[in-house]
C-alpha atoms as a PDB file:
ATOM      1  CA  MET A   1       0.000   0.000   0.000  1.00  0.00           C
ATOM      2  CA  LYS A   2       3.019   2.316  -0.065  1.00  0.00           C
ATOM      3  CA  GLU A   3       2.208   3.632  -3.545  1.00  0.00           C
ATOM      4  CA  VAL A   4      -1.448   4.090  -2.597  1.00  0.00           C
ATOM      5  CA  LEU A   5      -0.482   6.143   0.445  1.00  0.00           C
ATOM      6  CA  ALA A   6       2.052   8.183  -1.560  1.00  0.00           C
ATOM      7  CA  PHE A   7      -0.547   8.983  -4.226  1.00  0.00           C
ATOM      8  CA  LEU A   8      -3.149  10.034  -1.648  1.00  0.00           C
ATOM      9  CA  GLN A   9      -0.616  12.202   0.201  1.00  0.00           C
ATOM     10  CA  ASP A  10       0.241  14.014  -3.028  1.00  0.00           C
ATOM     11  CA  LEU A  11      -3.433  14.327  -3.955  1.00  0.00           C
ATOM     12  CA  GLU A  12      -4.172  16.006  -0.633  1.00  0.00           C
ATOM     13  CA  LEU A  13      -1.549  18.654  -1.464  1.00  0.00           C
ATOM     14  CA  ASN A  14      -2.669  19.044  -5.099  1.00  0.00           C
ATOM     15  CA  ASN A  15      -6.425  18.555  -5.076  1.00  0.00           C
ATOM     16  CA  ASN A  16      -7.260  19.978  -8.484  1.00  0.00           C
ATOM     17  CA  ARG A  17      -8.259  18.566 -11.855  1.00  0.00           C
ATOM     18  CA  GLU A  18      -5.077  19.627 -13.655  1.00  0.00           C
ATOM     19  CA  TRP A  19      -2.813  17.742 -11.242  1.00  0.00           C
ATOM     20  CA  PHE A  20      -5.121  14.727 -11.213  1.00  0.00           C
ATOM     21  CA  LYS A  21      -5.179  14.528 -14.990  1.00  0.00           C
ATOM     22  CA  SER A  22      -1.396  14.708 -15.226  1.00  0.00           C
ATOM     23  CA  ASN A  23      -1.142  11.937 -12.594  1.00  0.00           C
ATOM     24  CA  GLU A  24      -3.878   9.717 -13.973  1.00  0.00           C
ATOM     25  CA  LYS A  25      -1.512   6.769 -14.422  1.00  0.00           C
ATOM     26  CA  ARG A  26      -0.564   6.926 -10.754  1.00  0.00           C
ATOM     27  CA  TYR A  27      -4.256   7.061  -9.817  1.00  0.00           C
ATOM     28  CA  LYS A  28      -5.113   4.027 -11.947  1.00  0.00           C
ATOM     29  CA  LYS A  29      -2.224   2.061 -10.466  1.00  0.00           C
ATOM     30  CA  ALA A  30      -3.261   2.961  -6.908  1.00  0.00           C
ATOM     31  CA  LYS A  31      -6.906   2.170  -7.644  1.00  0.00           C
ATOM     32  CA  THR A  32      -5.974  -1.233  -9.092  1.00  0.00           C
ATOM     33  CA  GLU A  33      -3.930  -2.049  -5.999  1.00  0.00           C
ATOM     34  CA  PHE A  34      -6.868  -1.096  -3.773  1.00  0.00           C
ATOM     35  CA  GLU A  35      -9.254  -3.190  -5.900  1.00  0.00           C
ATOM     36  CA  HIS A  36      -6.976  -6.226  -5.448  1.00  0.00           C
ATOM     37  CA  LEU A  37      -7.031  -5.676  -1.686  1.00  0.00           C
ATOM     38  CA  VAL A  38     -10.821  -5.397  -1.605  1.00  0.00           C
ATOM     39  CA  THR A  39     -11.114  -8.569  -3.694  1.00  0.00           C
ATOM     40  CA  LYS A  40      -9.080 -10.417  -1.057  1.00  0.00           C
ATOM     41  CA  PHE A  41     -11.358  -9.039   1.660  1.00  0.00           C
ATOM     42  CA  ILE A  42     -14.472 -10.222  -0.208  1.00  0.00           C
ATOM     43  CA  ILE A  43     -13.055 -13.724  -0.602  1.00  0.00           C
ATOM     44  CA  GLU A  44     -12.192 -13.986   3.096  1.00  0.00           C
ATOM     45  CA  ILE A  45     -15.380 -12.363   4.421  1.00  0.00           C
ATOM     46  CA  SER A  46     -17.560 -14.629   2.280  1.00  0.00           C
ATOM     47  CA  LYS A  47     -16.178 -17.596   4.257  1.00  0.00           C
ATOM     48  CA  PHE A  48     -18.071 -16.431   7.362  1.00  0.00           C
ATOM     49  CA  GLU A  49     -20.632 -14.154   5.648  1.00  0.00           C
ATOM     50  CA  PRO A  50     -21.866 -16.185   2.642  1.00  0.00           C
ATOM     51  CA  GLU A  51     -24.455 -13.528   1.758  1.00  0.00           C
ATOM     52  CA  ILE A  52     -21.715 -11.367   0.206  1.00  0.00           C
ATOM     53  CA  SER A  53     -20.253 -14.081  -2.014  1.00  0.00           C
ATOM     54  CA  GLY A  54     -20.577 -13.063  -5.644  1.00  0.00           C
ATOM     55  CA  LEU A  55     -19.694  -9.432  -4.995  1.00  0.00           C
ATOM     56  CA  VAL A  56     -16.825  -7.927  -6.948  1.00  0.00           C
ATOM     57  CA  ALA A  57     -14.602  -5.053  -5.854  1.00  0.00           C
ATOM     58  CA  LYS A  58     -16.249  -2.480  -8.132  1.00  0.00           C
ATOM     59  CA  ASP A  59     -19.585  -3.152  -6.364  1.00  0.00           C
ATOM     60  CA  CYS A  60     -18.031  -2.045  -3.082  1.00  0.00           C
ATOM     61  CA  ILE A  61     -15.560   0.758  -3.841  1.00  0.00           C
ATOM     62  CA  PHE A  62     -16.671   4.385  -3.621  1.00  0.00           C
ATOM     63  CA  ARG A  63     -15.815   6.860  -6.368  1.00  0.00           C
ATOM     64  CA  ILE A  64     -12.906   9.180  -5.667  1.00  0.00           C
ATOM     65  CA  ASN A  65     -14.782  12.142  -7.147  1.00  0.00           C
ATOM     66  CA  ARG A  66     -16.521  14.303  -4.565  1.00  0.00           C
ATOM     67  CA  ASP A  67     -20.058  15.635  -4.897  1.00  0.00           C
ATOM     68  CA  VAL A  68     -19.425  19.329  -4.273  1.00  0.00           C
ATOM     69  CA  ARG A  69     -22.908  20.636  -5.131  1.00  0.00           C
ATOM     70  CA  PHE A  70     -23.990  21.141  -1.516  1.00  0.00           C
ATOM     71  CA  SER A  71     -20.599  21.326   0.170  1.00  0.00           C
ATOM     72  CA  THR A  72     -18.513  24.299   1.239  1.00  0.00           C
ATOM     73  CA  ASN A  73     -15.438  22.168   0.455  1.00  0.00           C
ATOM     74  CA  LYS A  74     -15.049  22.423  -3.319  1.00  0.00           C
ATOM     75  CA  ASP A  75     -12.072  20.056  -3.659  1.00  0.00           C
ATOM     76  CA  PRO A  76     -12.991  17.830  -6.606  1.00  0.00           C
ATOM     77  CA  TYR A  77     -11.509  14.615  -5.152  1.00  0.00           C
ATOM     78  CA  LYS A  78     -11.527  12.662  -1.914  1.00  0.00           C
ATOM     79  CA  ASN A  79      -8.095  12.085  -0.412  1.00  0.00           C
ATOM     80  CA  ASN A  80      -8.999   8.494   0.469  1.00  0.00           C
ATOM     81  CA  PHE A  81     -10.045   5.139  -0.938  1.00  0.00           C
ATOM     82  CA  GLY A  82     -13.031   3.481   0.710  1.00  0.00           C
ATOM     83  CA  ALA A  83     -14.973   0.256   0.244  1.00  0.00           C
ATOM     84  CA  TYR A  84     -18.166  -1.021   1.872  1.00  0.00           C
ATOM     85  CA  ILE A  85     -18.546  -4.789   1.705  1.00  0.00           C
ATOM     86  CA  SER A  86     -22.139  -5.781   2.340  1.00  0.00           C
ATOM     87  CA  ARG A  87     -25.065  -7.484   0.668  1.00  0.00           C
ATOM     88  CA  SER A  88     -25.658  -5.527  -2.561  1.00  0.00           C
ATOM     89  CA  GLY A  89     -22.363  -3.679  -2.154  1.00  0.00           C
ATOM     90  CA  ARG A  90     -21.648  -0.070  -1.252  1.00  0.00           C
ATOM     91  CA  LYS A  91     -25.262   1.106  -1.726  1.00  0.00           C
ATOM     92  CA  SER A  92     -26.680  -1.507   0.617  1.00  0.00           C
ATOM     93  CA  GLN A  93     -28.539  -0.523   3.777  1.00  0.00           C
ATOM     94  CA  PHE A  94     -27.504  -3.786   5.450  1.00  0.00           C
ATOM     95  CA  ALA A  95     -24.820  -3.740   8.134  1.00  0.00           C
ATOM     96  CA  GLY A  96     -21.475  -4.481   6.500  1.00  0.00           C
ATOM     97  CA  TYR A  97     -17.714  -4.101   6.629  1.00  0.00           C
ATOM     98  CA  TYR A  98     -15.933  -0.865   5.720  1.00  0.00           C
ATOM     99  CA  PHE A  99     -12.255  -0.312   4.898  1.00  0.00           C
ATOM    100  CA  HIS A 100     -10.774   3.162   4.530  1.00  0.00           C
ATOM    101  CA  ILE A 101      -7.289   4.184   3.398  1.00  0.00           C
ATOM    102  CA  GLU A 102      -6.303   7.780   4.113  1.00  0.00           C
ATOM    103  CA  PRO A 103      -2.802   8.864   5.159  1.00  0.00           C
ATOM    104  CA  GLY A 104      -2.811   9.187   8.937  1.00  0.00           C
ATOM    105  CA  ASN A 105      -6.498   8.285   9.214  1.00  0.00           C
ATOM    106  CA  SER A 106      -7.036   4.750   7.930  1.00  0.00           C
ATOM    107  CA  PHE A 107      -9.437   2.356   9.619  1.00  0.00           C
ATOM    108  CA  ALA A 108     -11.489  -0.822   9.392  1.00  0.00           C
ATOM    109  CA  GLY A 109     -14.952  -1.254  10.811  1.00  0.00           C
ATOM    110  CA  GLY A 110     -18.516  -0.923   9.655  1.00  0.00           C
ATOM    111  CA  GLY A 111     -22.031  -1.523  10.887  1.00  0.00           C
ATOM    112  CA  ILE A 112     -24.746   0.837   9.679  1.00  0.00           C
ATOM    113  CA  TYR A 113     -23.744   4.455   9.049  1.00  0.00           C
ATOM    114  CA  MET A 114     -26.379   7.144   8.384  1.00  0.00           C
ATOM    115  CA  PRO A 115     -29.425   4.821   8.403  1.00  0.00           C
ATOM    116  CA  ASP A 116     -32.684   6.328   7.218  1.00  0.00           C
ATOM    117  CA  ASN A 117     -35.262   7.186   9.871  1.00  0.00           C
ATOM    118  CA  GLU A 118     -37.267   3.991   9.434  1.00  0.00           C
ATOM    119  CA  ILE A 119     -34.251   1.705   9.837  1.00  0.00           C
ATOM    120  CA  LEU A 120     -32.909   3.755  12.743  1.00  0.00           C
ATOM    121  CA  LYS A 121     -36.243   3.400  14.521  1.00  0.00           C
ATOM    122  CA  LYS A 122     -36.195  -0.372  13.921  1.00  0.00           C
ATOM    123  CA  ILE A 123     -32.683  -0.643  15.364  1.00  0.00           C
ATOM    124  CA  ARG A 124     -33.697   1.321  18.448  1.00  0.00           C
ATOM    125  CA  THR A 125     -36.811  -0.835  18.855  1.00  0.00           C
ATOM    126  CA  GLU A 126     -34.727  -4.016  18.601  1.00  0.00           C
ATOM    127  CA  ILE A 127     -32.394  -2.701  21.299  1.00  0.00           C
ATOM    128  CA  THR A 128     -35.281  -1.841  23.643  1.00  0.00           C
ATOM    129  CA  GLU A 129     -36.653  -5.354  23.201  1.00  0.00           C
ATOM    130  CA  THR A 130     -33.326  -7.156  23.719  1.00  0.00           C
ATOM    131  CA  PRO A 131     -31.129  -4.739  25.696  1.00  0.00           C
ATOM    132  CA  ASP A 132     -29.161  -7.369  27.584  1.00  0.00           C
ATOM    133  CA  GLU A 133     -28.087  -9.063  24.364  1.00  0.00           C
ATOM    134  CA  PHE A 134     -26.974  -5.783  22.777  1.00  0.00           C
ATOM    135  CA  ILE A 135     -25.107  -4.728  25.918  1.00  0.00           C
ATOM    136  CA  GLY A 136     -23.404  -8.111  25.961  1.00  0.00           C
ATOM    137  CA  ILE A 137     -22.203  -7.663  22.363  1.00  0.00           C
ATOM    138  CA  ILE A 138     -20.773  -4.153  22.716  1.00  0.00           C
ATOM    139  CA  ASN A 139     -19.238  -4.819  26.145  1.00  0.00           C
ATOM    140  CA  GLU A 140     -17.623  -8.134  25.236  1.00  0.00           C
ATOM    141  CA  ASN A 141     -13.899  -7.779  25.992  1.00  0.00           C
ATOM    142  CA  GLU A 142     -12.514  -8.458  22.515  1.00  0.00           C
ATOM    143  CA  PHE A 143     -15.101  -6.204  20.881  1.00  0.00           C
ATOM    144  CA  LYS A 144     -14.518  -3.416  23.399  1.00  0.00           C
ATOM    145  CA  ASN A 145     -10.732  -3.644  23.067  1.00  0.00           C
ATOM    146  CA  THR A 146     -10.952  -3.558  19.272  1.00  0.00           C
ATOM    147  CA  PHE A 147     -13.525  -0.827  18.727  1.00  0.00           C
ATOM    148  CA  GLY A 148     -14.092   1.043  21.967  1.00  0.00           C
ATOM    149  CA  GLU A 149     -17.429   2.836  21.744  1.00  0.00           C
ATOM    150  CA  ILE A 150     -20.011   3.045  18.979  1.00  0.00           C
ATOM    151  CA  TYR A 151     -18.840   5.654  16.473  1.00  0.00           C
ATOM    152  CA  GLY A 152     -20.502   8.928  15.564  1.00  0.00           C
ATOM    153  CA  GLU A 153     -23.007  11.527  16.687  1.00  0.00           C
ATOM    154  CA  LYS A 154     -25.599  11.060  19.421  1.00  0.00           C
ATOM    155  CA  LEU A 155     -28.836  12.767  20.324  1.00  0.00           C
ATOM    156  CA  LYS A 156     -28.604  14.878  23.467  1.00  0.00           C
ATOM    157  CA  THR A 157     -31.921  13.524  24.759  1.00  0.00           C
ATOM    158  CA  LYS A 158     -33.978  10.343  24.378  1.00  0.00           C
ATOM    159  CA  PRO A 159     -35.431   9.817  20.897  1.00  0.00           C
ATOM    160  CA  LYS A 160     -39.191  10.361  20.633  1.00  0.00           C
ATOM    161  CA  GLY A 161     -41.275   7.334  21.435  1.00  0.00           C
ATOM    162  CA  PHE A 162     -38.690   5.710  23.710  1.00  0.00           C
ATOM    163  CA  ASP A 163     -39.288   7.654  26.934  1.00  0.00           C
ATOM    164  CA  GLU A 164     -39.667   4.611  29.170  1.00  0.00           C
ATOM    165  CA  PHE A 165     -36.512   2.755  28.116  1.00  0.00           C
ATOM    166  CA  GLU A 166     -34.132   2.301  31.031  1.00  0.00           C
ATOM    167  CA  HIS A 167     -30.911   2.448  28.941  1.00  0.00           C
ATOM    168  CA  PRO A 168     -31.316   5.671  26.927  1.00  0.00           C
ATOM    169  CA  GLU A 169     -27.577   5.833  26.175  1.00  0.00           C
ATOM    170  CA  LEU A 170     -27.987   2.794  23.894  1.00  0.00           C
ATOM    171  CA  ILE A 171     -30.584   4.404  21.623  1.00  0.00           C
ATOM    172  CA  ARG A 172     -29.289   7.967  21.346  1.00  0.00           C
ATOM    173  CA  HIS A 173     -26.863   7.026  18.570  1.00  0.00           C
ATOM    174  CA  LYS A 174     -27.523   8.389  15.065  1.00  0.00           C
ATOM    175  CA  HIS A 175     -25.257   5.703  13.594  1.00  0.00           C
ATOM    176  CA  TYR A 176     -24.604   2.142  14.677  1.00  0.00           C
ATOM    177  CA  ALA A 177     -21.058   1.806  13.398  1.00  0.00           C
ATOM    178  CA  VAL A 178     -17.658   0.935  14.830  1.00  0.00           C
ATOM    179  CA  VAL A 179     -14.084   1.882  13.903  1.00  0.00           C
ATOM    180  CA  HIS A 180     -10.638   0.392  14.477  1.00  0.00           C
ATOM    181  CA  HIS A 181      -7.812   2.720  13.430  1.00  0.00           C
ATOM    182  CA  ILE A 182      -4.918   1.404  11.341  1.00  0.00           C
ATOM    183  CA  THR A 183      -1.534   3.140  11.141  1.00  0.00           C
ATOM    184  CA  ASP A 184       0.257   3.886   7.883  1.00  0.00           C
ATOM    185  CA  GLU A 185       2.940   1.426   8.950  1.00  0.00           C
ATOM    186  CA  GLU A 186       0.374  -1.342   9.499  1.00  0.00           C
ATOM    187  CA  LEU A 187      -1.028  -0.716   6.015  1.00  0.00           C
ATOM    188  CA  THR A 188       2.290  -1.618   4.424  1.00  0.00           C
ATOM    189  CA  LYS A 189       2.796  -4.925   6.263  1.00  0.00           C
ATOM    190  CA  SER A 190       2.303  -8.322   4.616  1.00  0.00           C
ATOM    191  CA  ASN A 191      -0.294  -9.390   7.199  1.00  0.00           C
ATOM    192  CA  LEU A 192      -2.722  -6.551   6.433  1.00  0.00           C
ATOM    193  CA  VAL A 193      -5.428  -8.850   5.051  1.00  0.00           C
ATOM    194  CA  GLU A 194      -5.125 -11.311   7.923  1.00  0.00           C
ATOM    195  CA  LYS A 195      -5.250  -8.568  10.573  1.00  0.00           C
ATOM    196  CA  THR A 196      -8.195  -6.802   8.929  1.00  0.00           C
ATOM    197  CA  ILE A 197     -10.218  -9.981   8.547  1.00  0.00           C
ATOM    198  CA  GLN A 198      -9.707 -10.665  12.253  1.00  0.00           C
ATOM    199  CA  ILE A 199     -11.149  -7.202  12.981  1.00  0.00           C
ATOM    200  CA  PHE A 200     -14.142  -7.968  10.770  1.00  0.00           C
ATOM    201  CA  LYS A 201     -14.705 -11.338  12.473  1.00  0.00           C
ATOM    202  CA  ILE A 202     -14.855  -9.603  15.854  1.00  0.00           C
ATOM    203  CA  GLN A 203     -17.435  -7.221  14.369  1.00  0.00           C
ATOM    204  CA  LYS A 204     -19.653  -9.951  12.890  1.00  0.00           C
ATOM    205  CA  THR A 205     -21.905 -10.484  15.931  1.00  0.00           C
ATOM    206  CA  PHE A 206     -22.610  -6.733  15.998  1.00  0.00           C
ATOM    207  CA  ASN A 207     -23.534  -6.772  12.310  1.00  0.00           C
ATOM    208  CA  ASP A 208     -25.710  -9.862  12.715  1.00  0.00           C
ATOM    209  CA  TYR A 209     -27.638  -8.135  15.471  1.00  0.00           C
ATOM    210  CA  LEU A 210     -28.246  -5.028  13.351  1.00  0.00           C
ATOM    211  CA  ASN A 211     -29.294  -7.029  10.321  1.00  0.00           C
ATOM    212  CA  ARG A 212     -32.200  -8.529  12.242  1.00  0.00           C
ATOM    213  CA  VAL A 213     -34.175  -5.395  11.454  1.00  0.00           C
ATOM    214  CA  PHE A 214     -34.318  -6.451   7.798  1.00  0.00           C
ATOM    215  CA  LEU A 215     -35.831  -9.886   8.504  1.00  0.00           C
END
């Protein structure tokens, strides 16, 4: 991943169309390397998550072009490569596995990020009905040591309709996702796939719980 990191570092310093066009060969080489990595992830994940077998890397990898229409940041490109491995690929609403390469800010994780209101309500309902099971999953030692807390924003108060629930901290999350940070050095080691798949295996019980809402 050294060339991928080097390309992304240079892109961050030269985020414009002229530079990108003149470095298109470097981009294609970095993208191909990332696609090969994602393909390896799909193969390994499908061994314990058969629902994703049949996916190919292009189904999972996000475009590097940014949508700047509603953003104050007008940089035309992301300074990262990201892939979401889940049923139906990157556009799926199912809980899945995410891998992100960005110099100094790479990570593996997943879950459900930015669920729509209906799915978020279903997740919260599932938690209120089976709180002990959910608490057991997120407080399990290996899970806790790998991911820490659930990632992302929280409501400041209880969500509407859940006033009587005795564990409001569990249902104030806007996302049900987890993150394990990976250093640039770790990205370049030969055991990257093995280490990442172990992270995803630890996450599986969390994903399985979330995916109940789609049954």
